[in-house]
N, C-alpha and C. Protein backbone atom coordinates (compact mmCIF):
# COMPACT_ATOMS: atom_id res chain seq x y z
N MET A 1 -14.73 -40.29 51.77
CA MET A 1 -13.56 -41.03 51.35
C MET A 1 -12.90 -40.26 50.22
N SER A 2 -11.62 -40.08 50.30
CA SER A 2 -10.92 -39.31 49.28
C SER A 2 -10.13 -40.23 48.38
N TYR A 3 -10.11 -39.89 47.12
CA TYR A 3 -9.40 -40.69 46.12
C TYR A 3 -8.29 -39.84 45.53
N GLN A 4 -7.14 -40.43 45.39
CA GLN A 4 -5.99 -39.70 44.88
C GLN A 4 -6.11 -39.54 43.38
N PHE A 5 -5.76 -38.34 42.91
CA PHE A 5 -5.85 -38.08 41.48
C PHE A 5 -4.73 -38.76 40.70
N GLU A 6 -3.75 -39.34 41.39
CA GLU A 6 -2.70 -40.07 40.70
C GLU A 6 -3.24 -41.36 40.09
N LYS A 7 -4.33 -41.84 40.64
CA LYS A 7 -4.93 -43.06 40.12
C LYS A 7 -5.71 -42.73 38.86
N PRO A 8 -5.74 -43.65 37.91
CA PRO A 8 -6.55 -43.43 36.71
C PRO A 8 -8.03 -43.30 37.07
N ALA A 9 -8.77 -42.59 36.25
CA ALA A 9 -10.19 -42.35 36.50
C ALA A 9 -10.96 -43.66 36.65
N LYS A 10 -10.66 -44.63 35.82
CA LYS A 10 -11.38 -45.91 35.87
C LYS A 10 -11.20 -46.58 37.24
N GLN A 11 -10.00 -46.56 37.76
CA GLN A 11 -9.74 -47.16 39.07
C GLN A 11 -10.44 -46.37 40.18
N ARG A 12 -10.42 -45.04 40.10
CA ARG A 12 -11.12 -44.22 41.09
C ARG A 12 -12.61 -44.50 41.07
N ILE A 13 -13.15 -44.68 39.88
CA ILE A 13 -14.59 -44.96 39.75
C ILE A 13 -14.92 -46.32 40.36
N LEU A 14 -14.11 -47.33 40.09
CA LEU A 14 -14.34 -48.66 40.67
C LEU A 14 -14.28 -48.62 42.20
N GLU A 15 -13.32 -47.90 42.74
CA GLU A 15 -13.18 -47.80 44.19
C GLU A 15 -14.36 -47.03 44.79
N ALA A 16 -14.76 -45.96 44.13
CA ALA A 16 -15.90 -45.18 44.62
C ALA A 16 -17.18 -46.00 44.55
N ALA A 17 -17.36 -46.75 43.46
CA ALA A 17 -18.55 -47.59 43.32
C ALA A 17 -18.59 -48.64 44.42
N ASP A 18 -17.47 -49.28 44.69
CA ASP A 18 -17.40 -50.27 45.75
C ASP A 18 -17.82 -49.65 47.07
N HIS A 19 -17.26 -48.49 47.37
CA HIS A 19 -17.56 -47.80 48.63
C HIS A 19 -19.04 -47.41 48.72
N MET A 20 -19.56 -46.84 47.66
CA MET A 20 -20.96 -46.38 47.66
C MET A 20 -21.94 -47.55 47.72
N PHE A 21 -21.65 -48.65 47.02
CA PHE A 21 -22.52 -49.81 47.09
C PHE A 21 -22.49 -50.42 48.49
N ARG A 22 -21.35 -50.39 49.15
CA ARG A 22 -21.28 -50.90 50.52
C ARG A 22 -22.07 -50.01 51.47
N LEU A 23 -22.08 -48.71 51.23
CA LEU A 23 -22.83 -47.79 52.09
C LEU A 23 -24.33 -47.80 51.80
N PHE A 24 -24.70 -47.73 50.53
CA PHE A 24 -26.09 -47.52 50.15
C PHE A 24 -26.74 -48.70 49.44
N GLY A 25 -26.00 -49.77 49.27
CA GLY A 25 -26.54 -50.92 48.56
C GLY A 25 -26.76 -50.57 47.09
N ILE A 26 -27.74 -51.20 46.50
CA ILE A 26 -27.98 -51.00 45.07
C ILE A 26 -28.57 -49.63 44.77
N HIS A 27 -28.85 -48.84 45.79
CA HIS A 27 -29.45 -47.53 45.58
C HIS A 27 -28.42 -46.45 45.27
N ALA A 28 -27.15 -46.77 45.33
CA ALA A 28 -26.12 -45.79 44.94
C ALA A 28 -26.26 -45.55 43.44
N ASN A 29 -26.23 -44.30 43.02
CA ASN A 29 -26.40 -44.03 41.60
C ASN A 29 -25.13 -43.44 40.99
N LEU A 30 -25.13 -43.31 39.68
CA LEU A 30 -23.93 -42.87 38.97
C LEU A 30 -23.49 -41.47 39.36
N ASP A 31 -24.43 -40.59 39.66
CA ASP A 31 -24.06 -39.23 40.08
C ASP A 31 -23.23 -39.25 41.35
N VAL A 32 -23.67 -40.04 42.32
CA VAL A 32 -22.96 -40.13 43.59
C VAL A 32 -21.61 -40.79 43.40
N ILE A 33 -21.57 -41.84 42.61
CA ILE A 33 -20.31 -42.54 42.35
C ILE A 33 -19.33 -41.62 41.65
N ALA A 34 -19.79 -40.90 40.64
CA ALA A 34 -18.93 -39.96 39.91
C ALA A 34 -18.39 -38.89 40.85
N HIS A 35 -19.26 -38.34 41.69
CA HIS A 35 -18.82 -37.31 42.63
C HIS A 35 -17.76 -37.85 43.58
N GLN A 36 -17.98 -39.04 44.13
CA GLN A 36 -17.02 -39.63 45.06
C GLN A 36 -15.68 -39.94 44.38
N ALA A 37 -15.73 -40.22 43.09
CA ALA A 37 -14.51 -40.54 42.34
C ALA A 37 -13.82 -39.29 41.80
N HIS A 38 -14.35 -38.12 42.15
CA HIS A 38 -13.82 -36.86 41.63
C HIS A 38 -13.79 -36.90 40.10
N SER A 39 -14.91 -37.31 39.56
CA SER A 39 -15.04 -37.45 38.12
C SER A 39 -16.40 -36.88 37.73
N ASN A 40 -16.85 -37.23 36.54
CA ASN A 40 -18.18 -36.80 36.11
C ASN A 40 -18.92 -37.99 35.52
N ILE A 41 -20.20 -37.83 35.37
CA ILE A 41 -21.04 -38.95 34.92
C ILE A 41 -20.67 -39.40 33.51
N GLU A 42 -20.21 -38.48 32.68
CA GLU A 42 -19.82 -38.85 31.31
C GLU A 42 -18.63 -39.81 31.32
N THR A 43 -17.69 -39.57 32.22
CA THR A 43 -16.53 -40.46 32.33
C THR A 43 -16.94 -41.83 32.85
N VAL A 44 -17.84 -41.85 33.82
CA VAL A 44 -18.34 -43.13 34.33
C VAL A 44 -19.02 -43.89 33.21
N GLN A 45 -19.85 -43.22 32.44
CA GLN A 45 -20.56 -43.88 31.34
C GLN A 45 -19.60 -44.31 30.24
N LYS A 46 -18.53 -43.55 30.04
CA LYS A 46 -17.54 -43.92 29.03
C LYS A 46 -16.92 -45.29 29.35
N TYR A 47 -16.59 -45.49 30.62
CA TYR A 47 -15.93 -46.73 31.01
C TYR A 47 -16.91 -47.88 31.29
N PHE A 48 -18.09 -47.57 31.82
CA PHE A 48 -18.97 -48.63 32.31
C PHE A 48 -20.37 -48.61 31.70
N ARG A 49 -20.71 -47.59 30.96
CA ARG A 49 -22.01 -47.42 30.29
C ARG A 49 -23.18 -47.30 31.25
N TYR A 50 -23.44 -48.31 32.06
CA TYR A 50 -24.63 -48.34 32.90
C TYR A 50 -24.26 -48.64 34.34
N GLU A 51 -25.10 -48.19 35.24
CA GLU A 51 -24.92 -48.46 36.66
C GLU A 51 -24.92 -49.96 36.94
N GLU A 52 -25.73 -50.70 36.19
CA GLU A 52 -25.83 -52.15 36.39
C GLU A 52 -24.49 -52.85 36.14
N ARG A 53 -23.69 -52.32 35.25
CA ARG A 53 -22.39 -52.94 35.00
C ARG A 53 -21.48 -52.78 36.22
N LEU A 54 -21.50 -51.59 36.82
CA LEU A 54 -20.72 -51.38 38.05
C LEU A 54 -21.25 -52.27 39.17
N LEU A 55 -22.55 -52.40 39.26
CA LEU A 55 -23.14 -53.25 40.28
C LEU A 55 -22.74 -54.70 40.08
N ALA A 56 -22.71 -55.17 38.83
CA ALA A 56 -22.30 -56.54 38.53
C ALA A 56 -20.84 -56.76 38.94
N ILE A 57 -19.98 -55.80 38.66
CA ILE A 57 -18.57 -55.90 39.06
C ILE A 57 -18.47 -55.99 40.58
N PHE A 58 -19.26 -55.17 41.28
CA PHE A 58 -19.26 -55.18 42.74
C PHE A 58 -19.71 -56.53 43.28
N ILE A 59 -20.80 -57.06 42.74
CA ILE A 59 -21.32 -58.36 43.21
C ILE A 59 -20.32 -59.47 42.94
N LYS A 60 -19.67 -59.45 41.79
CA LYS A 60 -18.64 -60.45 41.49
C LYS A 60 -17.50 -60.37 42.49
N SER A 61 -17.14 -59.15 42.92
CA SER A 61 -16.06 -59.01 43.90
C SER A 61 -16.48 -59.57 45.25
N LEU A 62 -17.76 -59.39 45.62
CA LEU A 62 -18.26 -59.96 46.87
C LEU A 62 -18.22 -61.49 46.83
N ILE A 63 -18.62 -62.05 45.70
CA ILE A 63 -18.60 -63.50 45.54
C ILE A 63 -17.17 -64.02 45.65
N LYS A 64 -16.24 -63.35 44.97
CA LYS A 64 -14.84 -63.77 45.02
C LYS A 64 -14.31 -63.70 46.45
N ASP A 65 -14.62 -62.61 47.16
CA ASP A 65 -14.17 -62.48 48.55
C ASP A 65 -14.71 -63.59 49.43
N SER A 66 -16.00 -63.91 49.28
CA SER A 66 -16.59 -64.95 50.12
C SER A 66 -16.03 -66.33 49.77
N GLU A 67 -15.74 -66.57 48.49
CA GLU A 67 -15.12 -67.85 48.12
C GLU A 67 -13.74 -67.99 48.75
N GLU A 68 -12.98 -66.89 48.79
CA GLU A 68 -11.66 -66.93 49.42
C GLU A 68 -11.77 -67.19 50.92
N ILE A 69 -12.76 -66.59 51.55
CA ILE A 69 -12.96 -66.82 52.99
C ILE A 69 -13.29 -68.28 53.25
N TRP A 70 -14.18 -68.87 52.44
CA TRP A 70 -14.54 -70.28 52.62
C TRP A 70 -13.34 -71.19 52.37
N GLN A 71 -12.51 -70.86 51.39
CA GLN A 71 -11.31 -71.67 51.14
C GLN A 71 -10.37 -71.62 52.33
N ASP A 72 -10.21 -70.43 52.91
CA ASP A 72 -9.36 -70.31 54.10
C ASP A 72 -9.92 -71.13 55.26
N LEU A 73 -11.24 -71.05 55.45
CA LEU A 73 -11.86 -71.82 56.52
C LEU A 73 -11.70 -73.32 56.30
N GLU A 74 -11.86 -73.76 55.07
CA GLU A 74 -11.69 -75.18 54.78
C GLU A 74 -10.25 -75.62 55.05
N GLY A 75 -9.30 -74.71 54.82
CA GLY A 75 -7.91 -75.03 55.11
C GLY A 75 -7.65 -75.09 56.61
N ASP A 76 -8.33 -74.22 57.37
CA ASP A 76 -8.16 -74.19 58.82
C ASP A 76 -8.87 -75.36 59.50
N TYR A 77 -9.95 -75.84 58.91
CA TYR A 77 -10.75 -76.91 59.49
C TYR A 77 -10.95 -78.04 58.48
N PRO A 78 -9.87 -78.72 58.10
CA PRO A 78 -10.02 -79.81 57.11
C PRO A 78 -10.89 -80.93 57.67
N ASP A 79 -11.75 -81.44 56.84
CA ASP A 79 -12.65 -82.54 57.20
C ASP A 79 -13.54 -82.21 58.41
N ASP A 80 -13.80 -80.92 58.62
CA ASP A 80 -14.65 -80.51 59.74
C ASP A 80 -15.59 -79.39 59.27
N PRO A 81 -16.64 -79.76 58.52
CA PRO A 81 -17.54 -78.73 58.00
C PRO A 81 -18.22 -77.92 59.12
N GLU A 82 -18.48 -78.56 60.26
CA GLU A 82 -19.09 -77.83 61.37
C GLU A 82 -18.12 -76.79 61.93
N GLY A 83 -16.84 -77.10 61.90
CA GLY A 83 -15.83 -76.15 62.35
C GLY A 83 -15.84 -74.90 61.48
N CYS A 84 -16.03 -75.09 60.18
CA CYS A 84 -16.12 -73.94 59.26
C CYS A 84 -17.30 -73.06 59.61
N LEU A 85 -18.40 -73.67 59.99
CA LEU A 85 -19.62 -72.93 60.30
C LEU A 85 -19.53 -72.21 61.65
N ARG A 86 -18.72 -72.73 62.56
CA ARG A 86 -18.58 -72.09 63.88
C ARG A 86 -17.79 -70.80 63.78
N PHE A 87 -17.07 -70.60 62.70
CA PHE A 87 -16.27 -69.39 62.53
C PHE A 87 -17.17 -68.22 62.74
């Protein structure tokens, strides 16, 4: 996956972390994330300090995405919880 250098380093790192966590799960490390973001580990540490912070941001984004999906399903199937589950 290629990241445009027009984007700020912090945004490239977040996008690379998201991609790497989706591919490798929690086993993606800062070296791989930095490489994918066309950055270096010092820059990643400057913005996020630890790999766990990037992982927490990723998990929060997954939770937010799933909450939005459930809200959409509830809107499509009002008063029909089984309909939401059949999706």
